[in-house]
């Protein structure tokens, strides 16, 4: 009987720390991907201009606040199906991303060519933005003449004690899936 309060406390703590019940599955209607997000996403459609070419872009954002720190979860899909083959190169998009981020003051801290996924064209980049005291992690994929970018942006540097946001970030990255069409 003495252990009942301790067991209840452990169950509650376990649900708070390890439960991802606040995440819901979302499907991007025009891009055939599924991802878990912590809140209702906001949709934005825009046109990107790169090297005098226009690309249709679909952007979804979701935000999670934990105490005084927050994280934004971003999914971006860029359609380059009507362009020449030079845009099908992952290095092109990696260089574009690095140029865009660093021109705004961020510094690249890590670039992973080998991300542990069973997907042939994927890279992961990490940036730090001193002005925002923020960290930015970006993973890019190419499939079916579209570039998929999933990223997280935290506006305050995360410490090991921010394990809930760090865990939420990993749930987001691990949840990204392509939906097979029949």
Protein backbone atom coordinates (compact mmCIF):
# COMPACT_ATOMS: atom_id res chain seq x y z
CA UNK A 1 0.00 0.00 0.00
CA UNK A 2 2.91 2.34 0.72
CA UNK A 3 4.03 2.07 -2.86
CA UNK A 4 0.70 3.04 -4.42
CA UNK A 5 1.34 6.84 -4.29
CA UNK A 6 4.85 6.28 -5.68
CA UNK A 7 3.48 4.13 -8.51
CA UNK A 8 0.86 6.75 -9.37
CA UNK A 9 3.51 9.47 -9.39
CA UNK A 10 5.70 7.37 -11.73
CA UNK A 11 2.77 6.76 -14.09
CA UNK A 12 1.95 10.46 -14.26
CA UNK A 13 5.61 11.40 -14.74
CA UNK A 14 5.99 8.77 -17.46
CA UNK A 15 2.93 10.08 -19.32
CA UNK A 16 4.19 13.67 -19.08
CA UNK A 17 7.77 12.95 -20.15
CA UNK A 18 7.34 10.16 -22.66
CA UNK A 19 3.79 10.58 -23.88
CA UNK A 20 3.43 12.27 -27.23
CA UNK A 21 -0.35 12.41 -27.06
CA UNK A 22 -0.23 16.11 -27.92
CA UNK A 23 1.10 15.27 -31.38
CA UNK A 24 -1.39 14.63 -34.17
CA UNK A 25 -0.92 13.23 -37.63
CA UNK A 26 -1.26 15.64 -40.57
CA UNK A 27 -1.19 14.99 -44.30
CA UNK A 28 -0.17 17.60 -46.82
CA UNK A 29 -2.88 17.25 -49.44
CA UNK A 30 -0.75 18.17 -52.45
CA UNK A 31 2.48 16.45 -51.51
CA UNK A 32 1.61 12.95 -50.26
CA UNK A 33 3.46 13.17 -46.96
CA UNK A 34 2.38 12.50 -43.41
CA UNK A 35 3.99 13.98 -40.31
CA UNK A 36 3.23 14.39 -36.60
CA UNK A 37 2.86 17.97 -35.35
CA UNK A 38 2.25 19.38 -31.85
CA UNK A 39 -0.47 21.84 -32.90
CA UNK A 40 -2.79 22.67 -35.78
CA UNK A 41 -0.52 23.73 -38.66
CA UNK A 42 -0.79 26.98 -40.57
CA UNK A 43 -0.65 26.66 -44.36
CA UNK A 44 1.08 29.11 -46.65
CA UNK A 45 1.51 28.92 -50.41
CA UNK A 46 4.10 31.08 -52.09
CA UNK A 47 6.36 31.34 -55.10
CA UNK A 48 10.13 31.13 -54.66
CA UNK A 49 12.42 32.83 -57.15
CA UNK A 50 15.76 31.09 -57.70
CA UNK A 51 18.09 31.86 -60.62
CA UNK A 52 15.29 33.65 -62.52
CA UNK A 53 13.00 30.63 -62.13
CA UNK A 54 9.78 30.45 -60.16
CA UNK A 55 8.90 27.46 -57.99
CA UNK A 56 5.59 26.71 -56.28
CA UNK A 57 6.12 26.23 -52.56
CA UNK A 58 3.79 24.89 -49.85
CA UNK A 59 4.73 25.65 -46.26
CA UNK A 60 3.19 24.28 -43.05
CA UNK A 61 4.19 25.57 -39.61
CA UNK A 62 3.32 24.43 -36.11
CA UNK A 63 4.50 25.78 -32.75
CA UNK A 64 5.19 24.21 -29.36
CA UNK A 65 5.81 26.27 -26.22
CA UNK A 66 7.43 24.74 -23.14
CA UNK A 67 7.98 27.18 -20.32
CA UNK A 68 9.94 30.17 -21.63
CA UNK A 69 11.23 28.28 -24.66
CA UNK A 70 9.50 27.51 -27.91
CA UNK A 71 10.08 25.52 -31.05
CA UNK A 72 8.62 25.96 -34.53
CA UNK A 73 8.12 22.88 -36.69
CA UNK A 74 8.23 23.56 -40.44
CA UNK A 75 7.45 21.43 -43.50
CA UNK A 76 8.20 22.89 -46.92
CA UNK A 77 7.52 21.33 -50.32
CA UNK A 78 8.97 22.88 -53.46
CA UNK A 79 7.80 21.62 -56.83
CA UNK A 80 10.43 21.70 -59.57
CA UNK A 81 8.68 19.32 -62.00
CA UNK A 82 8.68 21.86 -64.84
CA UNK A 83 12.41 22.61 -64.58
CA UNK A 84 15.55 21.12 -66.05
CA UNK A 85 17.47 18.32 -64.38
CA UNK A 86 19.93 20.63 -62.58
CA UNK A 87 17.26 21.19 -59.93
CA UNK A 88 17.04 17.46 -59.23
CA UNK A 89 20.44 17.58 -57.56
CA UNK A 90 20.39 17.53 -53.75
CA UNK A 91 23.66 19.50 -53.64
CA UNK A 92 21.97 22.39 -55.47
CA UNK A 93 19.26 22.62 -52.79
CA UNK A 94 21.79 22.18 -49.99
CA UNK A 95 23.87 25.07 -51.35
CA UNK A 96 20.74 27.21 -51.81
CA UNK A 97 19.74 26.52 -48.19
CA UNK A 98 23.20 27.32 -46.84
CA UNK A 99 23.37 30.54 -48.88
CA UNK A 100 19.90 31.62 -47.71
CA UNK A 101 20.51 30.86 -44.03
CA UNK A 102 24.03 32.30 -43.83
CA UNK A 103 23.04 35.48 -45.67
CA UNK A 104 20.62 36.12 -42.79
CA UNK A 105 23.40 35.78 -40.21
CA UNK A 106 23.20 32.08 -39.27
CA UNK A 107 26.28 29.88 -39.18
CA UNK A 108 26.34 26.25 -40.27
CA UNK A 109 27.48 23.97 -37.45
CA UNK A 110 26.96 20.52 -38.92
CA UNK A 111 26.19 18.83 -42.22
CA UNK A 112 25.26 15.14 -42.35
CA UNK A 113 25.36 13.30 -45.64
CA UNK A 114 24.52 10.00 -44.02
CA UNK A 115 21.25 10.33 -42.17
CA UNK A 116 20.08 6.98 -40.76
CA UNK A 117 17.06 6.66 -43.03
CA UNK A 118 16.16 4.24 -45.76
CA UNK A 119 15.87 7.02 -48.29
CA UNK A 120 18.39 7.64 -51.08
CA UNK A 121 18.49 11.45 -51.28
CA UNK A 122 18.58 13.05 -47.86
CA UNK A 123 20.84 15.53 -46.07
CA UNK A 124 20.66 17.19 -42.70
CA UNK A 125 22.06 20.60 -41.79
CA UNK A 126 22.33 22.38 -38.45
CA UNK A 127 22.59 26.15 -38.09
CA UNK A 128 23.04 28.50 -35.16
CA UNK A 129 21.68 32.05 -35.23
CA UNK A 130 23.40 34.27 -32.69
CA UNK A 131 20.95 37.16 -33.20
CA UNK A 132 17.97 35.00 -32.24
CA UNK A 133 19.95 32.81 -29.82
CA UNK A 134 18.37 30.04 -31.82
CA UNK A 135 19.15 26.70 -33.35
CA UNK A 136 17.86 25.48 -36.71
CA UNK A 137 17.92 21.84 -37.82
CA UNK A 138 16.93 21.10 -41.43
CA UNK A 139 16.51 17.78 -43.23
CA UNK A 140 16.01 17.85 -47.02
CA UNK A 141 14.76 15.08 -49.34
CA UNK A 142 14.17 14.81 -53.07
CA UNK A 143 11.40 12.64 -54.48
CA UNK A 144 9.19 12.81 -57.59
CA UNK A 145 10.61 16.16 -58.74
CA UNK A 146 9.88 17.82 -55.42
CA UNK A 147 12.15 18.93 -52.64
CA UNK A 148 10.89 18.25 -49.12
CA UNK A 149 12.34 20.18 -46.24
CA UNK A 150 11.45 19.50 -42.63
CA UNK A 151 12.96 21.73 -40.01
CA UNK A 152 12.82 22.88 -36.44
CA UNK A 153 13.70 26.31 -35.12
CA UNK A 154 14.18 27.03 -31.43
CA UNK A 155 14.51 30.65 -30.36
CA UNK A 156 16.50 29.95 -27.23
CA UNK A 157 19.30 27.47 -27.05
CA UNK A 158 18.11 24.18 -25.67
CA UNK A 159 19.91 22.69 -22.70
CA UNK A 160 19.84 19.03 -21.68
CA UNK A 161 17.20 20.01 -19.15
CA UNK A 162 14.88 20.88 -22.06
CA UNK A 163 14.45 17.18 -22.76
CA UNK A 164 10.73 17.54 -23.53
CA UNK A 165 11.33 19.90 -26.49
CA UNK A 166 14.34 17.86 -27.60
CA UNK A 167 12.21 14.71 -27.48
CA UNK A 168 9.38 16.45 -29.36
CA UNK A 169 11.85 17.50 -32.04
CA UNK A 170 12.92 13.89 -32.54
CA UNK A 171 9.30 12.68 -32.67
CA UNK A 172 8.69 15.19 -35.48
CA UNK A 173 11.74 14.06 -37.49
CA UNK A 174 11.02 10.36 -36.97
CA UNK A 175 7.38 10.75 -38.04
CA UNK A 176 8.00 12.06 -41.59
CA UNK A 177 6.57 9.53 -44.07
CA UNK A 178 5.69 9.43 -47.73
CA UNK A 179 2.21 8.09 -48.43
CA UNK A 180 2.16 5.41 -51.11
CA UNK A 181 -0.42 6.05 -53.79
CA UNK A 182 -2.37 3.16 -55.23
